[in-house]
């Protein structure tokens, strides 16, 4: 079942790229007591994600952070890949969340089976706004980047 507006985000332990390498991150703690914009991509370094989705959040990071406490990007990739992509995209204002086993993705009900393209289980492209862990906005894109774009998120904040 897909998460919906008004639902509380699940508490799952995933990884982030820390100063000493991959670090555990509890989503319950990460979202607790603050407004967070989370966007997810099918894969780091993929064309649509690198050329369209991530750049919007990099360009609009300061505007978003005037209305939210944090911006996070999630993908079903490992923390090393997410760290390299963060550097490649100049996304230092964005917390990178590595959901390598798709545990959070599945808990949200937003998994995408990309096995036909040799990519396995991935995350659907989406963005959400959570306030103290409760979803206030959810935009999922079947194609393109419209409901999950930085510009759309800004209008929702």
Protein backbone atom coordinates (compact mmCIF):
# COMPACT_ATOMS: atom_id res chain seq x y z
CA UNK A 1 0.00 0.00 0.00
CA UNK A 2 1.36 3.40 -0.98
CA UNK A 3 1.90 6.03 1.68
CA UNK A 4 -0.56 8.91 1.49
CA UNK A 5 -0.99 12.47 2.72
CA UNK A 6 -1.66 12.34 6.46
CA UNK A 7 0.32 9.13 7.00
CA UNK A 8 3.35 8.92 9.27
CA UNK A 9 6.58 7.92 7.55
CA UNK A 10 7.93 4.50 8.56
CA UNK A 11 10.98 4.27 10.79
CA UNK A 12 13.58 2.38 8.78
CA UNK A 13 17.35 2.32 9.14
CA UNK A 14 19.09 3.22 5.89
CA UNK A 15 22.51 4.69 5.12
CA UNK A 16 23.91 8.13 4.43
CA UNK A 17 27.38 9.17 3.37
CA UNK A 18 29.20 10.36 6.48
CA UNK A 19 32.66 11.83 6.93
CA UNK A 20 34.07 8.37 7.74
CA UNK A 21 32.02 6.51 5.12
CA UNK A 22 28.51 5.02 5.24
CA UNK A 23 26.58 5.72 8.43
CA UNK A 24 23.26 4.36 9.68
CA UNK A 25 20.37 6.80 9.60
CA UNK A 26 17.04 6.25 11.33
CA UNK A 27 14.29 7.82 9.26
CA UNK A 28 12.23 8.24 12.43
CA UNK A 29 14.96 10.42 13.92
CA UNK A 30 15.78 12.20 10.65
CA UNK A 31 12.21 13.43 10.11
CA UNK A 32 11.34 14.01 13.78
CA UNK A 33 10.45 17.58 14.77
CA UNK A 34 11.18 19.27 11.45
CA UNK A 35 9.87 19.91 7.97
CA UNK A 36 11.75 17.86 5.38
CA UNK A 37 11.51 17.73 1.60
CA UNK A 38 12.35 14.24 0.37
CA UNK A 39 12.68 13.45 -3.30
CA UNK A 40 13.52 10.05 -4.72
CA UNK A 41 14.99 9.01 -8.02
CA UNK A 42 15.16 5.64 -9.78
CA UNK A 43 18.95 5.81 -9.81
CA UNK A 44 21.89 8.09 -9.20
CA UNK A 45 23.80 9.07 -12.34
CA UNK A 46 20.90 8.09 -14.63
CA UNK A 47 20.13 10.66 -17.37
CA UNK A 48 16.74 11.97 -16.18
CA UNK A 49 17.85 12.07 -12.58
CA UNK A 50 21.18 13.78 -13.29
CA UNK A 51 20.05 16.13 -16.04
CA UNK A 52 16.61 17.19 -14.80
CA UNK A 53 15.49 16.05 -11.35
CA UNK A 54 18.52 16.68 -9.11
CA UNK A 55 19.57 19.96 -10.78
CA UNK A 56 16.23 21.55 -9.93
CA UNK A 57 16.74 20.86 -6.25
CA UNK A 58 20.34 22.10 -6.38
CA UNK A 59 19.30 25.36 -8.06
CA UNK A 60 16.33 25.93 -5.72
CA UNK A 61 17.95 24.64 -2.51
CA UNK A 62 18.19 28.06 -0.85
CA UNK A 63 14.54 28.88 -1.61
CA UNK A 64 13.38 25.49 -0.35
CA UNK A 65 15.47 25.78 2.81
CA UNK A 66 13.77 29.10 3.62
CA UNK A 67 10.53 27.10 3.99
CA UNK A 68 11.83 23.70 5.11
CA UNK A 69 14.49 22.47 7.51
CA UNK A 70 16.15 19.95 5.20
CA UNK A 71 16.21 18.52 1.70
CA UNK A 72 16.98 14.84 1.20
CA UNK A 73 17.46 12.76 -1.93
CA UNK A 74 16.89 9.01 -1.83
CA UNK A 75 17.74 6.27 -4.31
CA UNK A 76 18.12 2.51 -4.24
CA UNK A 77 21.89 2.86 -4.46
CA UNK A 78 24.67 2.44 -1.91
CA UNK A 79 26.07 5.30 0.18
CA UNK A 80 29.29 5.43 -1.86
CA UNK A 81 27.36 5.99 -5.09
CA UNK A 82 25.13 8.57 -3.43
CA UNK A 83 28.19 10.41 -2.08
CA UNK A 84 29.85 10.44 -5.50
CA UNK A 85 26.63 11.68 -7.10
CA UNK A 86 26.30 14.41 -4.47
CA UNK A 87 29.82 15.62 -5.35
CA UNK A 88 29.14 15.34 -9.09
CA UNK A 89 25.94 17.40 -8.79
CA UNK A 90 27.31 20.04 -6.36
CA UNK A 91 24.48 19.02 -4.04
CA UNK A 92 26.15 19.79 -0.71
CA UNK A 93 22.91 21.27 0.71
CA UNK A 94 21.08 17.99 0.12
CA UNK A 95 21.29 15.01 2.46
CA UNK A 96 21.81 11.86 0.44
CA UNK A 97 19.88 8.80 1.61
CA UNK A 98 21.07 5.42 0.38
CA UNK A 99 18.25 2.86 0.41
CA UNK A 100 20.47 0.11 -0.97
CA UNK A 101 18.11 -2.73 -0.07
CA UNK A 102 14.96 -0.76 -1.01
CA UNK A 103 13.68 -1.14 2.55
CA UNK A 104 12.34 2.41 2.87
CA UNK A 105 11.14 2.38 -0.73
CA UNK A 106 9.12 -0.79 -0.09
CA UNK A 107 7.83 0.50 3.27
CA UNK A 108 6.52 3.57 1.42
CA UNK A 109 4.91 1.37 -1.24
CA UNK A 110 6.80 3.25 -3.95
CA UNK A 111 8.96 0.53 -5.46
CA UNK A 112 9.45 0.17 -9.20
CA UNK A 113 10.41 -3.14 -10.78
CA UNK A 114 13.04 -2.20 -13.37
CA UNK A 115 14.29 -5.78 -13.79
CA UNK A 116 13.44 -5.67 -17.47
CA UNK A 117 16.17 -3.06 -17.91
CA UNK A 118 18.60 -4.96 -15.67
CA UNK A 119 18.16 -2.50 -12.79
CA UNK A 120 16.25 -4.64 -10.28
CA UNK A 121 13.95 -3.00 -7.75
CA UNK A 122 14.20 0.79 -7.72
CA UNK A 123 12.22 3.70 -6.31
CA UNK A 124 9.54 5.42 -8.30
CA UNK A 125 10.31 9.07 -8.96
CA UNK A 126 8.56 11.05 -6.24
CA UNK A 127 8.78 13.98 -3.87
CA UNK A 128 7.13 14.47 -0.54
CA UNK A 129 6.98 17.06 2.18
CA UNK A 130 6.87 15.70 5.71
CA UNK A 131 6.27 17.75 8.84
CA UNK A 132 7.42 15.91 11.98
CA UNK A 133 7.31 12.70 9.95
CA UNK A 134 3.75 13.18 8.67
CA UNK A 135 3.26 13.47 4.91
CA UNK A 136 1.79 16.83 3.85
CA UNK A 137 2.42 16.47 0.11
CA UNK A 138 3.17 13.51 -2.13
CA UNK A 139 3.82 13.79 -5.86
CA UNK A 140 4.65 10.65 -7.83
CA UNK A 141 5.64 10.74 -11.51
CA UNK A 142 5.00 7.79 -13.80
CA UNK A 143 6.88 9.61 -16.55
CA UNK A 144 8.84 12.83 -16.59
CA UNK A 145 9.46 15.12 -13.64
CA UNK A 146 6.37 17.17 -12.97
CA UNK A 147 4.75 16.26 -9.65
CA UNK A 148 8.15 15.64 -8.03
CA UNK A 149 10.08 18.64 -9.35
CA UNK A 150 11.69 21.27 -7.14
CA UNK A 151 9.40 23.87 -8.65
CA UNK A 152 6.28 21.87 -7.76
CA UNK A 153 7.57 21.24 -4.24
CA UNK A 154 8.24 24.97 -3.77
CA UNK A 155 4.61 25.72 -4.68
CA UNK A 156 3.48 23.20 -2.04
CA UNK A 157 5.62 24.62 0.78
